[in-house]
Protein backbone atom coordinates (compact mmCIF):
# COMPACT_ATOMS: atom_id res chain seq x y z
CA GLY A 1 -20.78 29.28 -21.21
CA ASN A 2 -18.82 32.26 -19.94
CA MET A 3 -21.21 33.04 -17.14
CA ILE A 4 -19.37 34.20 -14.01
CA THR A 5 -20.78 33.55 -10.55
CA ILE A 6 -20.22 36.49 -8.23
CA ASN A 7 -19.75 35.48 -4.62
CA PHE A 8 -19.52 38.00 -1.82
CA ALA A 9 -19.21 38.07 1.96
CA ASP A 10 -22.17 37.87 4.29
CA GLY A 11 -23.19 41.33 5.50
CA ASN A 12 -25.82 44.03 5.19
CA ASP A 13 -23.40 46.29 3.33
CA VAL A 14 -20.64 44.62 1.35
CA VAL A 15 -18.15 46.25 -1.04
CA PHE A 16 -15.91 44.18 -3.28
CA SER A 17 -14.14 44.37 -6.62
CA VAL A 18 -14.79 42.03 -9.50
CA PRO A 19 -13.48 41.71 -13.07
CA PHE A 20 -15.95 41.83 -15.96
CA ASP A 21 -14.54 41.26 -19.45
CA GLY A 22 -11.02 41.73 -18.11
CA LYS A 23 -11.76 45.13 -16.56
CA LYS A 24 -12.03 45.84 -12.87
CA TYR A 25 -15.25 47.11 -11.30
CA LYS A 26 -16.35 47.84 -7.76
CA VAL A 27 -19.65 46.47 -6.50
CA ARG A 28 -21.59 47.35 -3.38
CA MET A 29 -24.47 45.19 -2.19
CA CYS A 30 -26.69 46.78 0.48
CA TRP A 31 -29.60 45.12 2.21
CA ASN A 32 -32.51 47.57 2.48
CA HIS A 33 -34.24 46.45 5.66
CA GLU A 34 -37.32 48.63 5.28
CA GLY A 35 -37.96 47.67 1.67
CA GLN A 36 -36.68 44.10 2.16
CA PHE A 37 -34.56 44.12 -1.00
CA TRP A 38 -30.92 44.15 -2.01
CA ALA A 39 -29.65 47.34 -3.66
CA LEU A 40 -26.71 47.17 -6.03
CA HIS A 41 -24.17 49.91 -6.75
CA LEU A 42 -21.52 49.66 -9.46
CA TRP A 43 -18.44 51.77 -10.19
CA ASP A 44 -15.73 51.56 -12.82
CA ALA A 45 -12.02 51.36 -11.96
CA ASN A 46 -11.86 55.16 -11.68
CA ASN A 47 -14.73 55.26 -9.18
CA ASN A 48 -17.21 56.67 -11.70
CA VAL A 49 -20.76 55.60 -10.84
CA ILE A 50 -22.33 53.27 -13.40
CA LEU A 51 -25.30 52.14 -11.37
CA ALA A 52 -26.62 53.44 -8.06
CA ASN A 53 -29.19 51.90 -5.76
CA ALA A 54 -30.56 49.45 -8.31
CA CYS A 55 -33.13 47.11 -6.80
CA VAL A 56 -31.91 43.54 -7.23
CA VAL A 57 -34.81 41.61 -8.73
CA PRO A 58 -34.77 38.03 -10.01
CA LYS A 59 -34.13 37.18 -13.66
CA PHE A 60 -34.03 40.81 -14.81
CA PRO A 61 -30.97 42.28 -16.56
CA LEU A 62 -29.77 44.84 -14.03
CA LEU A 63 -27.57 46.74 -16.47
CA MET A 64 -30.07 46.85 -19.32
CA ASN A 65 -30.87 50.56 -19.09
CA HIS A 66 -27.39 51.55 -17.99
CA HIS A 67 -25.09 50.76 -20.88
CA LYS A 68 -22.87 53.81 -20.60
CA SER A 69 -19.46 53.76 -22.22
CA ASN A 70 -17.80 52.77 -18.94
CA ALA A 71 -20.31 50.03 -18.10
CA PRO A 72 -19.63 46.32 -18.56
CA ARG A 73 -20.86 45.17 -21.98
CA GLY A 74 -22.64 42.11 -20.62
CA GLU A 75 -25.40 41.70 -18.07
CA LEU A 76 -25.76 41.18 -14.34
CA LEU A 77 -28.56 38.79 -13.41
CA VAL A 78 -29.88 37.08 -10.32
CA LEU A 79 -30.72 33.43 -10.86
CA THR A 80 -33.31 32.09 -8.44
CA ASP A 81 -36.61 30.21 -8.32
CA LYS A 82 -37.96 32.73 -5.83
CA GLU A 83 -40.24 35.69 -6.56
CA SER A 84 -37.98 38.08 -4.66
CA VAL A 85 -34.49 37.94 -3.19
CA GLY A 86 -34.27 37.70 0.59
CA ARG A 87 -31.54 38.84 2.95
CA ASP A 88 -29.84 35.44 3.22
CA ASP A 89 -30.60 34.03 -0.21
CA PHE A 90 -27.16 34.71 -1.70
CA GLN A 91 -25.45 33.03 1.24
CA SER A 92 -27.78 30.03 1.28
CA GLY A 93 -27.52 29.50 -2.46
CA ALA A 94 -31.22 30.18 -3.04
CA ALA A 95 -30.12 33.09 -5.25
CA THR A 96 -26.97 33.58 -7.31
CA LEU A 97 -25.59 36.80 -8.74
CA VAL A 98 -24.04 36.16 -12.15
CA TYR A 99 -22.42 38.08 -14.97
CA CYS A 100 -23.11 37.04 -18.57
CA THR A 101 -20.88 38.29 -21.35
CA GLU A 102 -22.39 40.48 -24.05
CA ASN A 103 -22.15 37.69 -26.59
CA GLU A 104 -23.78 35.18 -24.27
CA PHE A 105 -26.66 37.43 -23.26
CA TYR A 106 -27.34 39.45 -26.39
CA GLY A 107 -25.71 37.28 -29.03
CA GLY A 108 -28.15 34.39 -28.67
């Protein structure tokens, strides 16, 4: 399929850019120590906020309720066998952040 694995540096607050469907987006992954969850922020190429402080939960489409005109058409998902995503799970490979194209996710 066209699923893209999104790798990012180890850190409690990491900002990086990534292309979805040929367009550039900026992603910020923040570890919330008190709540023990990752929070995801997403901007378009013009720094318009698409998603702010979304709790990163396993196997749930993170963009589902955020399909604004400037949002990626597909879906961001976390693939893992775990019930929740821990601080080091992306680095260890226990969890993987992926992007599925619109056709792949919604097209069946």
